[in-house]
């Protein structure tokens, strides 16, 4: 499942979901790198 996370105030990364941490952050994998950050919620159209 693809998920999008925020790494900073204006940097986002989209990748394959890896795991969720207890502080609310999630990890996503892009290629051979894993990034962790806060998930961006879905917006209603």
N, C-alpha and C. Protein backbone atom coordinates (compact mmCIF):
# COMPACT_ATOMS: atom_id res chain seq x y z
N UNK A 1 0.84 -1.16 0.00
CA UNK A 1 0.00 0.00 0.00
C UNK A 1 0.89 1.24 0.00
N UNK A 2 0.63 2.17 -0.88
CA UNK A 2 1.40 3.42 -0.92
C UNK A 2 0.90 4.37 0.15
N UNK A 3 1.83 5.01 0.83
CA UNK A 3 1.51 6.01 1.85
C UNK A 3 2.40 7.22 1.63
N UNK A 4 1.92 8.38 2.06
CA UNK A 4 2.68 9.62 1.95
C UNK A 4 2.96 10.15 3.34
N UNK A 5 4.21 10.58 3.57
CA UNK A 5 4.60 11.11 4.88
C UNK A 5 5.25 12.47 4.71
N UNK A 6 5.25 13.24 5.79
CA UNK A 6 5.95 14.52 5.84
C UNK A 6 7.27 14.33 6.56
N UNK A 7 8.36 14.79 5.93
CA UNK A 7 9.68 14.73 6.56
C UNK A 7 10.02 16.05 7.24
N UNK A 8 9.46 17.11 6.76
CA UNK A 8 9.69 18.45 7.32
C UNK A 8 8.45 19.28 7.08
N UNK A 9 8.61 20.59 7.11
CA UNK A 9 7.44 21.44 6.92
C UNK A 9 6.93 21.42 5.48
N UNK A 10 7.79 21.11 4.51
CA UNK A 10 7.33 21.12 3.12
C UNK A 10 7.94 20.01 2.27
N UNK A 11 8.50 18.99 2.89
CA UNK A 11 9.08 17.86 2.15
C UNK A 11 8.25 16.62 2.43
N UNK A 12 7.73 16.02 1.37
CA UNK A 12 6.94 14.80 1.52
C UNK A 12 7.55 13.68 0.70
N UNK A 13 7.30 12.45 1.13
CA UNK A 13 7.80 11.25 0.45
C UNK A 13 6.66 10.26 0.33
N UNK A 14 6.53 9.63 -0.83
CA UNK A 14 5.52 8.61 -1.03
C UNK A 14 6.22 7.29 -1.31
N UNK A 15 5.80 6.25 -0.59
CA UNK A 15 6.42 4.94 -0.76
C UNK A 15 5.55 3.85 -0.20
N UNK A 16 6.09 2.66 -0.19
CA UNK A 16 5.39 1.47 0.31
C UNK A 16 5.44 1.44 1.83
N UNK A 17 4.27 1.25 2.46
CA UNK A 17 4.18 1.20 3.93
C UNK A 17 5.03 0.06 4.47
N UNK A 18 5.81 0.37 5.55
CA UNK A 18 6.67 -0.63 6.20
C UNK A 18 6.16 -0.95 7.59
N UNK A 19 6.02 0.09 8.45
CA UNK A 19 5.56 -0.14 9.81
C UNK A 19 5.09 1.16 10.44
N UNK A 20 4.37 1.04 11.57
CA UNK A 20 3.89 2.20 12.32
C UNK A 20 4.57 2.20 13.68
N UNK A 21 4.99 3.39 14.12
CA UNK A 21 5.64 3.55 15.41
C UNK A 21 4.63 4.01 16.46
N UNK A 22 4.96 3.84 17.73
CA UNK A 22 4.04 4.19 18.81
C UNK A 22 3.83 5.69 18.95
N UNK A 23 4.73 6.52 18.41
CA UNK A 23 4.57 7.98 18.50
C UNK A 23 3.74 8.56 17.37
N UNK A 24 3.17 7.71 16.51
CA UNK A 24 2.31 8.17 15.43
C UNK A 24 3.00 8.25 14.08
N UNK A 25 4.32 8.13 14.05
CA UNK A 25 5.04 8.15 12.79
C UNK A 25 4.90 6.80 12.09
N UNK A 26 5.10 6.81 10.77
CA UNK A 26 5.14 5.57 10.01
C UNK A 26 6.41 5.55 9.18
N UNK A 27 6.79 4.37 8.72
CA UNK A 27 7.96 4.20 7.87
C UNK A 27 7.48 3.75 6.49
N UNK A 28 8.08 4.33 5.45
CA UNK A 28 7.80 3.93 4.07
C UNK A 28 9.12 3.61 3.38
N UNK A 29 9.06 2.70 2.43
CA UNK A 29 10.26 2.32 1.68
C UNK A 29 10.16 2.83 0.26
N UNK A 30 11.25 3.47 -0.19
CA UNK A 30 11.37 3.95 -1.57
C UNK A 30 12.66 3.37 -2.12
N UNK A 31 12.53 2.42 -3.01
CA UNK A 31 13.71 1.71 -3.51
C UNK A 31 14.33 0.91 -2.38
N UNK A 32 15.60 1.18 -2.07
CA UNK A 32 16.24 0.46 -0.97
C UNK A 32 16.40 1.34 0.27
N UNK A 33 15.73 2.50 0.30
CA UNK A 33 15.80 3.40 1.46
C UNK A 33 14.48 3.41 2.21
N UNK A 34 14.57 3.56 3.54
CA UNK A 34 13.38 3.63 4.38
C UNK A 34 13.36 5.00 5.05
N UNK A 35 12.22 5.69 4.95
CA UNK A 35 12.04 7.00 5.54
C UNK A 35 10.95 6.92 6.59
N UNK A 36 11.06 7.73 7.66
CA UNK A 36 10.00 7.77 8.66
C UNK A 36 9.56 9.21 8.87
N UNK A 37 8.26 9.37 9.08
CA UNK A 37 7.69 10.69 9.29
C UNK A 37 6.22 10.57 9.62
N UNK A 38 5.57 11.71 9.72
CA UNK A 38 4.14 11.72 10.07
C UNK A 38 3.30 11.53 8.81
N UNK A 39 2.28 10.66 8.87
CA UNK A 39 1.46 10.40 7.68
C UNK A 39 0.59 11.61 7.34
N UNK A 40 0.35 11.77 6.04
CA UNK A 40 -0.56 12.79 5.56
C UNK A 40 -1.91 12.13 5.38
N UNK A 41 -2.94 12.67 6.02
CA UNK A 41 -4.27 12.09 5.95
C UNK A 41 -4.91 12.33 4.59
N UNK A 42 -5.88 11.49 4.26
CA UNK A 42 -6.62 11.63 3.00
C UNK A 42 -7.55 12.84 3.12
N UNK A 43 -7.69 13.56 2.01
CA UNK A 43 -8.58 14.72 1.98
C UNK A 43 -9.83 14.39 1.17
N UNK A 44 -10.95 14.90 1.63
CA UNK A 44 -12.20 14.71 0.89
C UNK A 44 -12.21 15.63 -0.32
N UNK A 45 -12.72 15.14 -1.42
CA UNK A 45 -12.75 15.94 -2.66
C UNK A 45 -13.92 16.89 -2.68
